[in-house]
Amino acid sequence: MQNFNYSSLFLAGDGALPWIIVAAVAVLAVVASVICWVLSGKTVTKRFEKEQGNIDAQRNRMLDDVREESKAIKKEAILEAKEQEIKLRNEFERESKEKRAELQRLENRLNQKEETLEKKEENLAKRNEETTRQQNALKAKEGELDKRIEEIDAQHEKMIQEFEKISQMSREEAKQQLILSITDEAKRDAAGMVKNIEAEAKENGERKAKEIVSLAIQKCSTEQATEITVSVVPLPSDDMKARIIGREGRNIRTLENATGIELIIDDTPEVVIVSGFDPVRREVARIALEKLIQDGRIHPARIEETVEKVKKELDQQIKEAGEAAMYECKIFGLHPEIVKLLGRLKFRTSYGQNVLKHSIEVSHLAGVMAAELGVDETLAKRAGLLHDLGKAVDFEIEGTHMQIGADLAKKYRENNSVINAILAHHGDVEPKTIEAILVQAADAISGARPGARRETTTNYIKRLQKLEEISSGFKGVEKCYAIQAGREVRVMVKPEQVNDAQTLFLAKEIAKKIEQEMEYPGQIKVNVIRESRATEYAK
């Protein structure tokens, strides 16, 4: 479209003409705009109508598809419902048939039980009738028996009266006579049975005991020589006696005061005797005196210094000896004070036997026997090692060494079984455990073996006299003899006062009294001998 320059027209003509032209152009522009808007609106309307038609057609097609699909789904649902109905009907019919069959079976069982119960009722009725008849018969028999019993009692009473007339004894006297005869016969039978049982048990027990003891001794072989505490100090010359005594006796007094023992210096050449009850103090004095003699410097200050030094050395030796004994027996966990007390036993003797070696030997013997019998081996060895603990201080504390040892063990919290074994190893207290009995046996074995102990002639004679005195104190004993160095006593009884059955009980009573009143190593065999003699003279 060609463009016009309105401003040139406006300037070229008059003033009115340009304004008319401008107005006409504006009107034409408005008209053209209106025409264009109308034409565009119609076009849009036609396009909208066309698209609306397409949309309606598509919607109708979709509705048709949905209708067809819903019909198909409905048809399938109906078919499935019919199939499910058929299936449920079949299952219901099957279950109903099974329940009817089960009910039929139950009904049959009930009928059978009813029939069985009816039969049982009939049987019970028959049995009740039979029982009633039997009861009636029994009552009749009981009446007859009562009559027979009364008749028998009357006859028995009549016979007793006749027997009393014939024997000229009352019923009570005859009863007592019968009781006495039965009692005597029972005692004889019992004595014979006891004798046989004891003989058999003794034979078996001795055989088994010999096996165990021989095995224990074989496994625990020790020296048989006795040990004597050294109480004599040899001197290089008699001149040394004067030096030991010192000026106005000051050296010997210092030594005695420092050690707590007594020095005996007599006319015996080149010998000084050390005397004292405490073996440890005696050993301190002996070692100190030997060191002083070897050193040659003997004066109070040197004596005190040497004694103190020896005491420290001996304390260490005591501790080491106790530990060595503990390790040798494989016993651990002992209180340190008990270890020291064990070490002190190294310097203690009993009938010439070293007590520490004896305790170790008893520990080994008890352990071996406990192992053979299947009991606590460790407990037996521990009790055996500590059984003579009281001998370490028995010269300081009053009482028997068993009680002192038990108090010490209780003080240092030893096992109650160990305490009982210490108290019971000489039979003063009843042993409560097998281990305590084994300690008793081991102590007897260790003390009774050949060469283990020795005793003075005076004590030996007193022991034999006491043994014969105890044996002869029983009724019916005629003579008694102590033989085998006091390990056996033979008792001769009067045959008219003691019968064969009573000899067994007499031997037991003598052995029991010996155990209660005497102290002796090992065991003592009691033999009671009864001899019957018939004497007649030909004239």
Protein backbone atom coordinates (compact mmCIF):
# COMPACT_ATOMS: atom_id res chain seq x y z
CA MET A 1 0.00 0.00 0.00
CA GLN A 2 1.44 3.36 -0.92
CA ASN A 3 2.21 5.80 1.84
CA PHE A 4 0.99 9.38 1.67
CA ASN A 5 2.68 12.34 3.15
CA TYR A 6 -0.15 14.01 4.91
CA SER A 7 1.93 16.76 6.17
CA SER A 8 2.76 17.90 2.58
CA LEU A 9 -0.86 18.04 1.68
CA PHE A 10 -1.53 20.00 4.77
CA LEU A 11 0.97 22.59 3.83
CA ALA A 12 0.11 22.74 0.13
CA GLY A 13 -3.61 23.75 0.26
CA ASP A 14 -5.90 25.82 2.24
CA GLY A 15 -6.49 25.17 5.87
CA ALA A 16 -10.00 23.49 5.41
CA LEU A 17 -9.15 20.99 2.74
CA PRO A 18 -6.52 19.15 4.71
CA TRP A 19 -8.78 18.63 7.62
CA ILE A 20 -11.48 17.06 5.43
CA ILE A 21 -9.02 14.72 3.89
CA VAL A 22 -7.71 13.70 7.30
CA ALA A 23 -11.19 12.98 8.55
CA ALA A 24 -12.04 10.90 5.50
CA VAL A 25 -8.92 8.87 5.87
CA ALA A 26 -9.66 8.23 9.56
CA VAL A 27 -13.20 7.09 8.75
CA LEU A 28 -11.92 4.79 6.06
CA ALA A 29 -9.39 3.31 8.47
CA VAL A 30 -12.06 2.64 11.08
CA VAL A 31 -14.38 1.05 8.56
CA ALA A 32 -11.58 -1.14 7.25
CA SER A 33 -10.75 -2.26 10.81
CA VAL A 34 -14.35 -3.17 11.50
CA ILE A 35 -14.63 -5.13 8.27
CA CYS A 36 -11.40 -7.02 9.06
CA TRP A 37 -12.57 -7.87 12.64
CA VAL A 38 -15.91 -9.20 11.31
CA LEU A 39 -14.22 -11.30 8.68
CA SER A 40 -11.69 -12.72 11.21
CA GLY A 41 -14.47 -13.54 13.72
CA LYS A 42 -16.36 -15.58 11.15
CA THR A 43 -13.23 -17.48 10.27
CA VAL A 44 -12.53 -18.30 13.90
CA THR A 45 -16.14 -19.35 14.43
CA LYS A 46 -16.03 -21.72 11.50
CA ARG A 47 -12.76 -23.22 12.75
CA PHE A 48 -14.15 -23.65 16.29
CA GLU A 49 -17.27 -25.31 14.96
CA LYS A 50 -15.18 -27.68 12.88
CA GLU A 51 -12.97 -28.64 15.86
CA GLN A 52 -16.03 -29.03 18.09
CA GLY A 53 -17.43 -31.46 15.54
CA ASN A 54 -14.23 -33.48 15.59
CA ILE A 55 -14.26 -33.58 19.36
CA ASP A 56 -17.87 -34.75 19.47
CA ALA A 57 -17.13 -37.50 16.98
CA GLN A 58 -14.13 -38.68 19.01
CA ARG A 59 -16.16 -38.61 22.21
CA ASN A 60 -18.90 -40.68 20.62
CA ARG A 61 -16.32 -43.22 19.44
CA MET A 62 -14.83 -43.46 22.94
CA LEU A 63 -18.28 -43.88 24.46
CA ASP A 64 -19.00 -46.69 22.05
CA ASP A 65 -15.68 -48.39 22.97
CA VAL A 66 -16.41 -48.06 26.69
CA ARG A 67 -19.88 -49.52 26.22
CA GLU A 68 -18.48 -52.51 24.36
CA GLU A 69 -15.74 -53.07 26.96
CA SER A 70 -18.17 -52.84 29.88
CA LYS A 71 -20.40 -55.40 28.20
CA ALA A 72 -17.43 -57.76 27.84
CA ILE A 73 -16.37 -57.26 31.47
CA LYS A 74 -19.90 -57.80 32.68
CA LYS A 75 -20.13 -60.98 30.67
CA GLU A 76 -16.81 -62.28 32.12
CA ALA A 77 -17.87 -61.37 35.66
CA ILE A 78 -21.10 -63.26 35.25
CA LEU A 79 -19.22 -66.32 33.99
CA GLU A 80 -16.74 -66.19 36.88
CA ALA A 81 -19.57 -65.83 39.39
CA LYS A 82 -21.30 -68.84 37.94
CA GLU A 83 -18.06 -70.88 38.08
CA GLN A 84 -17.43 -69.84 41.71
CA GLU A 85 -20.98 -70.73 42.60
CA ILE A 86 -20.56 -74.16 41.07
CA LYS A 87 -17.26 -74.69 42.88
CA LEU A 88 -18.68 -73.62 46.27
CA ARG A 89 -21.71 -75.85 45.73
CA ASN A 90 -19.44 -78.82 45.01
CA GLU A 91 -17.29 -78.17 48.08
CA PHE A 92 -20.33 -77.78 50.29
CA GLU A 93 -21.76 -81.04 49.02
CA ARG A 94 -18.41 -82.85 49.60
CA GLU A 95 -18.05 -81.48 53.15
CA SER A 96 -21.64 -82.33 53.92
CA LYS A 97 -21.06 -85.88 52.70
CA GLU A 98 -17.93 -86.21 54.89
CA LYS A 99 -19.70 -84.84 57.96
CA ARG A 100 -22.59 -87.21 57.44
CA ALA A 101 -20.12 -90.10 57.17
CA GLU A 102 -18.33 -88.99 60.37
CA LEU A 103 -21.61 -88.63 62.21
CA GLN A 104 -22.53 -92.11 61.05
CA ARG A 105 -19.25 -93.51 62.40
CA LEU A 106 -19.73 -91.75 65.74
CA GLU A 107 -23.22 -93.07 65.97
CA ASN A 108 -21.95 -96.61 65.32
CA ARG A 109 -19.28 -96.25 68.01
CA LEU A 110 -21.82 -94.97 70.52
CA ASN A 111 -24.03 -97.91 69.75
CA GLN A 112 -21.11 -100.29 70.30
CA LYS A 113 -20.20 -98.62 73.62
CA GLU A 114 -23.78 -98.83 74.78
CA GLU A 115 -23.78 -102.53 74.00
CA THR A 116 -20.45 -103.00 75.84
CA LEU A 117 -21.73 -101.12 78.89
CA GLU A 118 -24.84 -103.21 78.97
CA LYS A 119 -22.72 -106.39 78.91
CA LYS A 120 -20.50 -105.04 81.71
CA GLU A 121 -23.52 -104.20 83.81
CA GLU A 122 -24.74 -107.73 83.37
CA ASN A 123 -21.32 -109.12 84.36
CA LEU A 124 -21.16 -106.86 87.42
CA ALA A 125 -24.54 -107.99 88.52
CA LYS A 126 -23.43 -111.60 88.21
CA ARG A 127 -20.21 -110.87 90.14
CA ASN A 128 -22.12 -109.09 92.91
CA GLU A 129 -24.29 -112.11 93.29
CA GLU A 130 -21.24 -114.40 93.39
CA THR A 131 -19.51 -112.13 95.93
CA THR A 132 -22.57 -112.13 98.12
CA ARG A 133 -22.66 -115.90 98.08
CA GLN A 134 -18.93 -116.09 98.91
CA GLN A 135 -19.31 -113.61 101.79
CA ASN A 136 -22.08 -115.67 103.26
CA ALA A 137 -19.93 -118.78 102.95
CA LEU A 138 -16.96 -116.98 104.61
CA LYS A 139 -19.13 -115.83 107.48
CA ALA A 140 -20.22 -119.38 108.03
CA LYS A 141 -16.57 -120.58 107.96
CA GLU A 142 -15.55 -117.78 110.35
CA GLY A 143 -18.12 -118.96 112.81
CA GLU A 144 -16.78 -122.49 112.56
CA LEU A 145 -13.16 -121.24 112.97
CA ASP A 146 -14.09 -119.22 116.05
CA LYS A 147 -15.56 -122.32 117.60
CA ARG A 148 -12.46 -124.35 116.71
CA ILE A 149 -10.17 -121.64 118.15
CA GLU A 150 -12.10 -121.61 121.38
CA GLU A 151 -11.81 -125.39 121.59
CA ILE A 152 -8.05 -125.25 120.83
CA ASP A 153 -7.51 -122.50 123.45
CA ALA A 154 -9.31 -124.57 126.02
CA GLN A 155 -7.23 -127.63 125.14
CA HIS A 156 -4.02 -125.52 125.17
CA GLU A 157 -4.83 -124.16 128.61
CA LYS A 158 -5.57 -127.65 129.83
CA MET A 159 -2.25 -128.91 128.42
CA ILE A 160 -0.32 -126.05 130.06
CA GLN A 161 -1.87 -126.89 133.39
CA GLU A 162 -0.91 -130.54 132.96
CA PHE A 163 2.66 -129.55 131.97
CA GLU A 164 2.92 -127.32 135.04
CA LYS A 165 1.87 -130.26 137.23
CA ILE A 166 4.35 -132.59 135.53
CA SER A 167 7.33 -130.16 135.48
CA GLN A 168 6.48 -128.59 138.82
CA MET A 169 7.21 -125.13 137.25
CA SER A 170 4.96 -122.16 136.74
CA ARG A 171 4.34 -120.62 133.37
CA GLU A 172 6.57 -117.58 134.07
CA GLU A 173 9.41 -119.80 135.32
CA ALA A 174 9.24 -121.92 132.18
CA LYS A 175 9.20 -118.77 130.05
CA GLN A 176 12.29 -117.38 131.78
CA GLN A 177 14.05 -120.75 131.41
CA LEU A 178 13.25 -120.78 127.70
CA ILE A 179 14.42 -117.19 127.25
CA LEU A 180 17.71 -117.94 128.99
CA SER A 181 18.35 -121.03 126.88
CA ILE A 182 17.49 -119.14 123.67
CA THR A 183 19.67 -116.19 124.74
CA ASP A 184 22.66 -118.43 125.45
CA GLU A 185 22.21 -120.23 122.16
CA ALA A 186 21.88 -116.91 120.30
CA LYS A 187 25.03 -115.59 121.98
CA ARG A 188 26.95 -118.70 120.98
CA ASP A 189 25.69 -118.46 117.43
CA ALA A 190 26.43 -114.72 117.32
CA ALA A 191 29.94 -115.22 118.70
CA GLY A 192 30.58 -117.91 116.10
CA MET A 193 29.22 -115.73 113.29
CA VAL A 194 31.22 -112.73 114.51
CA LYS A 195 34.33 -114.85 114.70
CA ASN A 196 33.84 -116.16 111.18
CA ILE A 197 33.01 -112.75 109.77
CA GLU A 198 35.93 -111.11 111.53
CA ALA A 199 38.27 -113.86 110.39
CA GLU A 200 37.16 -113.44 106.79
CA ALA A 201 37.21 -109.62 106.96
CA LYS A 202 40.56 -109.72 108.73
CA GLU A 203 42.01 -111.99 106.08
CA ASN A 204 40.75 -109.85 103.20
CA GLY A 205 41.56 -106.58 104.98
CA GLU A 206 45.04 -107.70 105.93
CA ARG A 207 45.77 -108.79 102.39
CA LYS A 208 44.55 -105.52 100.90
CA ALA A 209 46.18 -103.44 103.63
CA LYS A 210 49.49 -105.23 103.12
CA GLU A 211 49.30 -104.50 99.41
CA ILE A 212 48.61 -100.82 99.96
CA VAL A 213 51.16 -100.42 102.76
CA SER A 214 53.87 -102.32 100.88
CA LEU A 215 53.22 -100.20 97.81
CA ALA A 216 53.36 -97.01 99.90
CA ILE A 217 56.60 -98.06 101.61
CA GLN A 218 58.10 -99.09 98.29
CA LYS A 219 57.33 -95.70 96.77
CA CYS A 220 58.57 -93.86 99.88
CA SER A 221 61.89 -95.43 100.84
CA THR A 222 63.83 -93.35 103.38
CA GLU A 223 66.89 -93.77 105.54
CA GLN A 224 66.44 -96.12 108.48
CA ALA A 225 69.15 -94.70 110.74
CA THR A 226 67.95 -92.68 113.69
CA GLU A 227 69.12 -89.14 114.21
CA ILE A 228 70.30 -87.73 117.54
CA THR A 229 70.38 -84.03 118.24
CA VAL A 230 73.98 -82.89 118.54
CA SER A 231 74.53 -81.44 121.98
CA VAL A 232 78.30 -81.90 122.31
CA VAL A 233 80.83 -79.39 120.91
CA PRO A 234 84.41 -80.70 120.47
CA LEU A 235 87.28 -78.45 121.53
CA PRO A 236 90.71 -78.27 119.91
CA SER A 237 92.31 -78.42 123.40
CA ASP A 238 91.46 -78.17 127.08
CA ASP A 239 92.91 -74.65 127.17
CA MET A 240 89.89 -73.49 125.21
CA LYS A 241 87.64 -74.26 128.20
CA ALA A 242 89.20 -71.44 130.20
CA ARG A 243 88.75 -69.00 127.33
CA ILE A 244 85.10 -70.03 126.98
CA ILE A 245 84.52 -69.50 130.70
CA GLY A 246 86.35 -66.16 130.66
CA ARG A 247 87.46 -63.98 133.53
CA GLU A 248 85.15 -64.62 136.49
CA GLY A 249 82.86 -66.54 134.14
CA ARG A 250 81.71 -63.52 132.12
CA ASN A 251 82.03 -65.21 128.72
CA ILE A 252 80.00 -68.28 129.61
CA ARG A 253 77.33 -66.12 131.33
CA THR A 254 77.07 -63.90 128.27
CA LEU A 255 76.70 -66.89 125.99
CA GLU A 256 74.06 -68.52 128.22
CA ASN A 257 72.09 -65.27 128.53
CA ALA A 258 72.24 -64.61 124.78
CA THR A 259 71.12 -68.12 123.76
CA GLY A 260 68.94 -69.18 126.68
CA ILE A 261 70.70 -72.51 127.16
CA GLU A 262 73.14 -73.99 129.65
CA LEU A 263 76.78 -74.86 128.95
CA ILE A 264 78.19 -77.78 130.92
CA ILE A 265 81.97 -77.73 131.18
CA ASP A 266 83.20 -80.66 133.29
CA ASP A 267 86.22 -82.91 133.46
CA THR A 268 85.46 -84.56 130.11
CA PRO A 269 88.50 -83.80 127.97
CA GLU A 270 88.10 -81.49 124.95
CA VAL A 271 84.28 -81.48 125.11
CA VAL A 272 81.61 -78.91 126.03
CA ILE A 273 78.03 -80.08 126.52
CA VAL A 274 75.17 -77.82 125.33
CA SER A 275 71.99 -78.43 127.37
CA GLY A 276 68.52 -76.98 126.77
CA PHE A 277 64.94 -77.94 126.04
CA ASP A 278 64.54 -75.70 122.97
CA PRO A 279 66.27 -77.45 120.02
CA VAL A 280 66.52 -74.20 118.02
CA ARG A 281 68.21 -72.34 120.87
CA ARG A 282 70.46 -75.34 121.42
CA GLU A 283 71.43 -75.27 117.75
CA VAL A 284 72.10 -71.51 117.91
CA ALA A 285 74.37 -72.03 120.90
CA ARG A 286 76.20 -74.92 119.21
CA ILE A 287 76.85 -73.03 115.96
CA ALA A 288 77.81 -69.82 117.77
CA LEU A 289 80.23 -71.69 120.04
CA GLU A 290 81.82 -73.44 117.07
CA LYS A 291 82.26 -70.11 115.26
CA LEU A 292 83.77 -68.49 118.35
CA ILE A 293 86.20 -71.40 118.80
CA GLN A 294 87.18 -71.19 115.14
CA ASP A 295 87.60 -67.41 115.26
CA GLY A 296 89.50 -67.42 118.55
CA ARG A 297 88.21 -64.02 119.70
CA ILE A 298 86.01 -64.83 122.67
CA HIS A 299 84.72 -61.89 124.68
CA PRO A 300 81.20 -60.63 125.57
CA ALA A 301 80.82 -58.18 122.68
CA ARG A 302 82.02 -60.74 120.15
CA ILE A 303 79.76 -63.42 121.68
CA GLU A 304 76.65 -61.22 121.40
CA GLU A 305 77.53 -60.24 117.83
CA THR A 306 78.10 -63.87 116.81
CA VAL A 307 74.89 -65.09 118.48
CA GLU A 308 72.81 -62.42 116.66
CA LYS A 309 74.43 -63.32 113.37
CA VAL A 310 73.80 -67.03 113.92
CA LYS A 311 70.16 -66.36 114.84
CA LYS A 312 69.57 -64.53 111.54
CA GLU A 313 71.29 -67.29 109.59
CA LEU A 314 69.32 -69.96 111.40
CA ASP A 315 66.02 -68.14 110.81
CA GLN A 316 66.81 -68.17 107.10
CA GLN A 317 67.73 -71.86 107.30
CA ILE A 318 64.46 -72.61 109.12
CA LYS A 319 62.46 -70.81 106.42
CA GLU A 320 64.34 -72.61 103.64
CA ALA A 321 63.89 -75.99 105.38
CA GLY A 322 60.11 -75.41 105.67
CA GLU A 323 59.86 -74.35 102.02
CA ALA A 324 61.95 -77.34 100.93
CA ALA A 325 59.64 -79.70 102.83
CA MET A 326 56.60 -78.01 101.30
CA TYR A 327 57.97 -78.31 97.76
CA GLU A 328 59.11 -81.88 98.32
CA CYS A 329 55.58 -82.89 99.29
CA LYS A 330 54.09 -80.66 96.55
CA ILE A 331 51.91 -78.83 99.06
CA PHE A 332 51.30 -75.16 98.27
CA GLY A 333 49.35 -72.32 99.83
CA LEU A 334 50.62 -72.76 103.39
CA HIS A 335 50.70 -69.74 105.68
CA PRO A 336 54.25 -68.27 106.05
CA GLU A 337 54.15 -68.87 109.82
CA ILE A 338 53.28 -72.53 109.28
CA VAL A 339 56.24 -72.80 106.89
CA LYS A 340 58.52 -71.44 109.62
CA LEU A 341 57.10 -73.89 112.17
CA LEU A 342 57.78 -76.73 109.75
CA GLY A 343 61.37 -75.53 109.41
CA ARG A 344 61.77 -75.58 113.21
CA LEU A 345 60.91 -79.31 113.18
CA LYS A 346 64.28 -79.88 111.48
CA PHE A 347 65.90 -79.45 114.88
CA ARG A 348 63.28 -81.50 116.80
CA THR A 349 63.56 -85.25 117.38
CA SER A 350 61.15 -87.87 118.74
CA TYR A 351 62.64 -91.13 120.01
CA GLY A 352 65.75 -90.22 118.02
CA GLN A 353 63.78 -89.67 114.76
CA ASN A 354 63.95 -86.26 113.06
CA VAL A 355 60.41 -84.86 113.19
CA LEU A 356 60.61 -82.92 109.90
CA LYS A 357 61.80 -86.00 107.99
CA HIS A 358 59.15 -88.02 109.78
CA SER A 359 56.45 -85.51 108.71
CA ILE A 360 57.61 -85.62 105.09
CA GLU A 361 57.61 -89.40 105.20
CA VAL A 362 54.10 -89.49 106.67
CA SER A 363 52.93 -87.07 103.95
CA HIS A 364 54.27 -89.30 101.19
CA LEU A 365 52.86 -92.48 102.75
CA ALA A 366 49.42 -90.97 103.28
CA GLY A 367 49.39 -89.59 99.72
CA VAL A 368 50.27 -92.95 98.17
CA MET A 369 47.62 -94.79 100.21
CA ALA A 370 45.01 -92.11 99.39
CA ALA A 371 45.79 -92.48 95.68
CA GLU A 372 45.36 -96.26 95.93
CA LEU A 373 42.01 -95.89 97.72
CA GLY A 374 40.74 -93.16 95.39
CA VAL A 375 40.31 -90.41 98.02
CA ASP A 376 41.72 -86.85 98.17
CA GLU A 377 45.49 -87.33 97.78
CA THR A 378 46.35 -83.63 98.26
CA LEU A 379 44.36 -83.41 101.51
CA ALA A 380 45.99 -86.58 102.87
CA LYS A 381 49.50 -85.29 102.05
CA ARG A 382 48.74 -81.87 103.57
CA ALA A 383 47.42 -83.42 106.80
CA GLY A 384 50.39 -85.81 106.95
CA LEU A 385 52.89 -82.97 106.59
CA LEU A 386 51.22 -80.91 109.36
CA HIS A 387 50.26 -83.70 111.77
CA ASP A 388 53.23 -83.04 114.17
CA LEU A 389 53.16 -79.24 113.80
CA GLY A 390 52.62 -78.80 117.54
CA LYS A 391 56.02 -80.37 118.33
CA ALA A 392 57.71 -77.22 117.02
CA VAL A 393 56.52 -75.27 120.09
CA ASP A 394 55.38 -77.94 122.56
CA PHE A 395 58.16 -76.91 124.98
CA GLU A 396 56.78 -73.32 125.00
CA ILE A 397 53.02 -73.98 125.18
CA GLU A 398 51.22 -76.29 127.61
CA GLY A 399 49.19 -79.15 126.21
CA THR A 400 49.65 -82.15 123.94
CA HIS A 401 51.33 -81.63 120.62
CA MET A 402 48.09 -82.74 118.88
CA GLN A 403 46.05 -79.98 120.55
CA ILE A 404 48.80 -77.38 120.04
CA GLY A 405 49.10 -78.32 116.37
CA ALA A 406 45.32 -78.17 115.87
CA ASP A 407 45.15 -74.74 117.53
CA LEU A 408 47.95 -73.45 115.29
CA ALA A 409 46.28 -74.87 112.18
CA LYS A 410 42.97 -73.28 113.20
CA LYS A 411 44.73 -69.97 113.87
CA TYR A 412 46.17 -69.90 110.36
CA ARG A 413 42.85 -71.00 108.81
CA GLU A 414 43.65 -74.52 107.72
CA ASN A 415 40.99 -76.92 106.44
CA ASN A 416 38.73 -78.50 109.10
CA SER A 417 39.64 -81.95 107.75
CA VAL A 418 43.34 -81.18 108.30
CA ILE A 419 42.60 -80.01 111.86
CA ASN A 420 40.68 -83.23 112.59
CA ALA A 421 43.55 -85.32 111.19
CA ILE A 422 46.02 -83.50 113.46
CA LEU A 423 43.83 -84.12 116.51
CA ALA A 424 43.11 -87.75 115.65
CA HIS A 425 46.50 -89.03 114.49
CA HIS A 426 47.15 -90.65 117.91
CA GLY A 427 43.55 -91.81 118.43
CA ASP A 428 42.63 -89.19 121.07
CA VAL A 429 39.81 -87.88 118.86
CA GLU A 430 37.53 -89.85 116.55
CA PRO A 431 38.67 -89.41 112.91
CA LYS A 432 35.93 -87.91 110.74
CA THR A 433 37.47 -88.56 107.30
CA ILE A 434 39.27 -91.38 105.52
CA GLU A 435 42.25 -89.04 105.10
CA ALA A 436 42.55 -88.75 108.90
CA ILE A 437 42.63 -92.54 109.21
CA LEU A 438 45.32 -92.70 106.52
CA VAL A 439 47.42 -90.16 108.45
CA GLN A 440 47.09 -92.41 111.54
CA ALA A 441 48.29 -95.41 109.54
CA ALA A 442 51.13 -93.48 107.87
CA ASP A 443 52.31 -92.12 111.23
CA ALA A 444 52.35 -95.65 112.69
CA ILE A 445 54.24 -97.01 109.66
CA SER A 446 56.84 -94.24 109.79
CA GLY A 447 57.40 -94.62 113.52
CA ALA A 448 57.33 -98.43 113.62
CA ARG A 449 59.65 -99.28 110.73
CA PRO A 450 62.97 -100.86 111.77
CA GLY A 451 65.57 -98.35 112.90
CA ALA A 452 63.22 -95.38 112.84
CA ARG A 453 63.05 -94.75 116.57
CA ARG A 454 64.74 -95.74 119.76
CA GLU A 455 63.82 -95.42 123.41
CA THR A 456 65.65 -95.72 126.69
CA THR A 457 65.80 -99.00 128.57
CA THR A 458 63.83 -97.52 131.49
CA ASN A 459 60.93 -96.44 129.28
CA TYR A 460 61.01 -99.76 127.47
CA ILE A 461 60.70 -101.75 130.73
CA LYS A 462 57.94 -99.46 132.03
CA ARG A 463 55.98 -99.95 128.82
CA LEU A 464 56.21 -103.74 129.09
CA GLN A 465 55.16 -103.68 132.75
CA LYS A 466 52.21 -101.43 131.99
CA LEU A 467 51.14 -103.72 129.17
CA GLU A 468 51.16 -106.81 131.41
CA GLU A 469 49.43 -104.90 134.20
CA ILE A 470 46.54 -103.85 131.95
CA SER A 471 46.11 -107.36 130.53
CA SER A 472 46.08 -109.08 133.93
CA GLY A 473 43.42 -106.73 135.33
CA PHE A 474 40.50 -108.51 133.62
CA LYS A 475 38.38 -111.23 135.22
CA GLY A 476 39.35 -114.78 134.30
CA VAL A 477 42.95 -113.93 133.29
CA GLU A 478 45.48 -116.35 134.80
CA LYS A 479 48.78 -115.22 133.27
CA CYS A 480 49.96 -112.72 130.68
CA TYR A 481 53.29 -112.16 128.92
CA ALA A 482 54.51 -109.19 126.84
CA ILE A 483 56.66 -110.48 123.97
CA GLN A 484 58.09 -109.27 120.67
CA ALA A 485 59.58 -106.16 122.32
CA GLY A 486 56.15 -105.13 123.56
CA ARG A 487 54.40 -105.48 120.20
CA GLU A 488 52.45 -108.58 121.28
CA VAL A 489 50.84 -109.70 124.54
CA ARG A 490 49.71 -113.26 125.21
CA VAL A 491 46.93 -113.69 127.77
CA MET A 492 46.23 -117.08 129.38
CA VAL A 493 42.65 -117.40 130.75
CA LYS A 494 41.06 -119.86 133.14
CA PRO A 495 38.95 -122.28 131.06
CA GLU A 496 36.35 -122.77 133.79
CA GLN A 497 35.65 -119.00 133.92
CA VAL A 498 36.01 -117.97 130.25
CA ASN A 499 34.47 -120.01 127.41
CA ASP A 500 35.49 -119.97 123.75
CA ALA A 501 32.91 -117.37 122.78
CA GLN A 502 34.03 -114.97 125.53
CA THR A 503 37.70 -115.04 124.46
CA LEU A 504 36.88 -112.94 121.41
CA PHE A 505 35.19 -110.24 123.48
CA LEU A 506 37.98 -110.33 126.09
CA ALA A 507 40.63 -109.70 123.40
CA LYS A 508 38.62 -106.71 122.16
CA GLU A 509 38.27 -105.25 125.67
CA ILE A 510 42.01 -105.64 126.42
CA ALA A 511 42.97 -104.01 123.10
CA LYS A 512 40.57 -101.13 123.74
CA LYS A 513 41.95 -100.47 127.23
CA ILE A 514 45.54 -100.55 125.92
CA GLU A 515 44.62 -97.95 123.29
CA GLN A 516 43.08 -95.71 125.96
CA GLU A 517 45.80 -95.89 128.61
CA MET A 518 49.11 -96.37 126.76
CA GLU A 519 51.28 -94.57 124.23
CA TYR A 520 53.33 -96.81 121.97
CA PRO A 521 54.77 -96.84 118.45
CA GLY A 522 53.05 -98.99 115.85
CA GLN A 523 50.48 -101.52 117.04
CA ILE A 524 50.18 -104.21 119.72
CA LYS A 525 48.76 -107.67 119.00
CA VAL A 526 46.55 -109.18 121.75
CA ASN A 527 46.34 -113.01 121.81
CA VAL A 528 43.88 -114.60 124.28
CA ILE A 529 44.58 -118.31 124.79
CA ARG A 530 42.14 -120.76 126.43
CA GLU A 531 43.30 -124.29 127.06
CA SER A 532 41.18 -127.13 128.47
CA ARG A 533 42.96 -130.02 130.20
CA ALA A 534 41.56 -133.29 131.51
CA THR A 535 43.67 -134.92 134.28
CA GLU A 536 43.14 -138.32 135.81
CA TYR A 537 45.37 -140.61 137.90
CA ALA A 538 45.70 -144.35 137.48
CA LYS A 539 45.90 -146.16 140.84
